[in-house]
Amino acid sequence: MQKLSSIIIFYRPFFFWSFAVNILLTVFNPKIIPAISIKLILVIFLWFILSRVNGGKVINLYKDVGISTFKLFGSIFLIDILITLVYLLVIKEFI
């Protein structure tokens, strides 16, 4: 349970950026497969940026809790995809 709460705490600052990307995806191309691809690219970019900032101290903090880098960013990707899918399915009903 501590690991899941740590992952959610890590994801919380990125939630609003993710929602902004969801809105942009809705404007340009509200299809599911391109949205998943774009979210995957953004998570990889986030991993790259955070591994370079301060020598990866942010990621090392989560390694100390027992969460590997792959598990951390994989969980973030799954949470983000779940939110994106729900958002796109709801928006498609109104478009």
C-alpha atoms as a PDB file:
ATOM      1  CA  MET A   1       0.000   0.000   0.000  1.00  0.00           C
ATOM      2  CA  GLN A   2       2.911   2.324   0.757  1.00  0.00           C
ATOM      3  CA  LYS A   3       4.309   1.744  -2.725  1.00  0.00           C
ATOM      4  CA  LEU A   4       0.999   2.591  -4.401  1.00  0.00           C
ATOM      5  CA  SER A   5       0.614   5.771  -2.376  1.00  0.00           C
ATOM      6  CA  SER A   6       4.204   6.719  -3.245  1.00  0.00           C
ATOM      7  CA  ILE A   7       3.465   6.250  -6.949  1.00  0.00           C
ATOM      8  CA  ILE A   8       0.303   8.359  -6.716  1.00  0.00           C
ATOM      9  CA  ILE A   9       2.198  11.090  -4.856  1.00  0.00           C
ATOM     10  CA  PHE A  10       4.820  11.022  -7.625  1.00  0.00           C
ATOM     11  CA  TYR A  11       2.109  11.255 -10.314  1.00  0.00           C
ATOM     12  CA  ARG A  12       0.132  14.064  -8.675  1.00  0.00           C
ATOM     13  CA  PRO A  13       2.206  17.028 -10.041  1.00  0.00           C
ATOM     14  CA  PHE A  14       2.010  15.577 -13.548  1.00  0.00           C
ATOM     15  CA  PHE A  15      -1.766  15.092 -13.487  1.00  0.00           C
ATOM     16  CA  PHE A  16      -2.581  18.623 -14.656  1.00  0.00           C
ATOM     17  CA  TRP A  17      -0.021  18.429 -17.463  1.00  0.00           C
ATOM     18  CA  SER A  18      -1.520  15.108 -18.498  1.00  0.00           C
ATOM     19  CA  PHE A  19      -4.998  16.587 -18.484  1.00  0.00           C
ATOM     20  CA  ALA A  20      -3.794  19.477 -20.665  1.00  0.00           C
ATOM     21  CA  VAL A  21      -2.402  16.930 -23.130  1.00  0.00           C
ATOM     22  CA  ASN A  22      -5.768  15.143 -23.052  1.00  0.00           C
ATOM     23  CA  ILE A  23      -7.523  18.358 -24.003  1.00  0.00           C
ATOM     24  CA  LEU A  24      -5.067  18.972 -26.855  1.00  0.00           C
ATOM     25  CA  LEU A  25      -5.575  15.412 -28.058  1.00  0.00           C
ATOM     26  CA  THR A  26      -9.315  15.971 -28.032  1.00  0.00           C
ATOM     27  CA  VAL A  27      -8.962  19.080 -30.176  1.00  0.00           C
ATOM     28  CA  PHE A  28      -6.616  17.572 -32.761  1.00  0.00           C
ATOM     29  CA  ASN A  29      -7.257  13.818 -32.859  1.00  0.00           C
ATOM     30  CA  PRO A  30      -9.584  12.189 -30.308  1.00  0.00           C
ATOM     31  CA  LYS A  31      -8.656   8.598 -31.201  1.00  0.00           C
ATOM     32  CA  ILE A  32      -7.448   6.076 -28.645  1.00  0.00           C
ATOM     33  CA  ILE A  33      -4.391   4.532 -30.337  1.00  0.00           C
ATOM     34  CA  PRO A  34      -2.648   7.865 -31.127  1.00  0.00           C
ATOM     35  CA  ALA A  35      -3.423   9.036 -27.591  1.00  0.00           C
ATOM     36  CA  ILE A  36      -1.756   5.957 -26.087  1.00  0.00           C
ATOM     37  CA  SER A  37       1.264   6.421 -28.358  1.00  0.00           C
ATOM     38  CA  ILE A  38       1.642  10.079 -27.419  1.00  0.00           C
ATOM     39  CA  LYS A  39       1.295   9.291 -23.713  1.00  0.00           C
ATOM     40  CA  LEU A  40       3.990   6.604 -24.008  1.00  0.00           C
ATOM     41  CA  ILE A  41       6.352   9.066 -25.679  1.00  0.00           C
ATOM     42  CA  LEU A  42       5.643  11.626 -22.959  1.00  0.00           C
ATOM     43  CA  VAL A  43       6.333   9.122 -20.164  1.00  0.00           C
ATOM     44  CA  ILE A  44       9.639   8.157 -21.807  1.00  0.00           C
ATOM     45  CA  PHE A  45      10.503  11.848 -22.110  1.00  0.00           C
ATOM     46  CA  LEU A  46       9.606  12.361 -18.443  1.00  0.00           C
ATOM     47  CA  TRP A  47      11.884   9.469 -17.465  1.00  0.00           C
ATOM     48  CA  PHE A  48      14.713  10.958 -19.532  1.00  0.00           C
ATOM     49  CA  ILE A  49      14.320  14.416 -17.987  1.00  0.00           C
ATOM     50  CA  LEU A  50      14.025  13.158 -14.394  1.00  0.00           C
ATOM     51  CA  SER A  51      16.992  10.830 -14.733  1.00  0.00           C
ATOM     52  CA  ARG A  52      19.152  13.802 -15.787  1.00  0.00           C
ATOM     53  CA  VAL A  53      17.940  16.292 -13.150  1.00  0.00           C
ATOM     54  CA  ASN A  54      20.218  16.386 -10.085  1.00  0.00           C
ATOM     55  CA  GLY A  55      21.806  13.092 -11.040  1.00  0.00           C
ATOM     56  CA  GLY A  56      18.524  11.183 -10.741  1.00  0.00           C
ATOM     57  CA  LYS A  57      17.994  11.998  -7.054  1.00  0.00           C
ATOM     58  CA  VAL A  58      14.222  12.028  -7.520  1.00  0.00           C
ATOM     59  CA  ILE A  59      14.230   8.513  -8.948  1.00  0.00           C
ATOM     60  CA  ASN A  60      16.695   7.268  -6.324  1.00  0.00           C
ATOM     61  CA  LEU A  61      14.279   8.358  -3.600  1.00  0.00           C
ATOM     62  CA  TYR A  62      11.698   5.909  -4.965  1.00  0.00           C
ATOM     63  CA  LYS A  63      14.325   3.181  -5.324  1.00  0.00           C
ATOM     64  CA  ASP A  64      14.950   3.524  -1.580  1.00  0.00           C
ATOM     65  CA  VAL A  65      11.253   2.829  -0.961  1.00  0.00           C
ATOM     66  CA  GLY A  66      11.577  -0.335  -3.053  1.00  0.00           C
ATOM     67  CA  ILE A  67      10.062   0.843  -6.335  1.00  0.00           C
ATOM     68  CA  SER A  68      12.155   0.196  -9.413  1.00  0.00           C
ATOM     69  CA  THR A  69      12.371   2.803 -12.149  1.00  0.00           C
ATOM     70  CA  PHE A  70      10.515   0.556 -14.581  1.00  0.00           C
ATOM     71  CA  LYS A  71       7.727  -0.127 -12.079  1.00  0.00           C
ATOM     72  CA  LEU A  72       7.428   3.577 -11.228  1.00  0.00           C
ATOM     73  CA  PHE A  73       7.113   4.813 -14.793  1.00  0.00           C
ATOM     74  CA  GLY A  74       5.120   1.757 -15.899  1.00  0.00           C
ATOM     75  CA  SER A  75       2.594   2.447 -13.149  1.00  0.00           C
ATOM     76  CA  ILE A  76       2.443   6.104 -14.110  1.00  0.00           C
ATOM     77  CA  PHE A  77       1.831   5.102 -17.727  1.00  0.00           C
ATOM     78  CA  LEU A  78      -0.984   2.721 -16.740  1.00  0.00           C
ATOM     79  CA  ILE A  79      -2.643   5.303 -14.480  1.00  0.00           C
ATOM     80  CA  ASP A  80      -2.326   7.932 -17.204  1.00  0.00           C
ATOM     81  CA  ILE A  81      -3.752   5.619 -19.866  1.00  0.00           C
ATOM     82  CA  LEU A  82      -6.688   4.732 -17.633  1.00  0.00           C
ATOM     83  CA  ILE A  83      -7.495   8.402 -17.076  1.00  0.00           C
ATOM     84  CA  THR A  84      -7.034   9.153 -20.784  1.00  0.00           C
ATOM     85  CA  LEU A  85      -9.292   6.309 -21.899  1.00  0.00           C
ATOM     86  CA  VAL A  86     -12.062   7.319 -19.524  1.00  0.00           C
ATOM     87  CA  TYR A  87     -11.735  10.937 -20.624  1.00  0.00           C
ATOM     88  CA  LEU A  88     -11.762  10.125 -24.350  1.00  0.00           C
ATOM     89  CA  LEU A  89     -14.681   7.718 -24.067  1.00  0.00           C
ATOM     90  CA  VAL A  90     -16.740  10.290 -22.186  1.00  0.00           C
ATOM     91  CA  ILE A  91     -15.816  13.098 -24.595  1.00  0.00           C
ATOM     92  CA  LYS A  92     -16.593  10.959 -27.663  1.00  0.00           C
ATOM     93  CA  GLU A  93     -20.161  10.630 -26.422  1.00  0.00           C
ATOM     94  CA  PHE A  94     -20.577  14.388 -26.646  1.00  0.00           C
ATOM     95  CA  ILE A  95     -18.704  15.021 -29.913  1.00  0.00           C
END
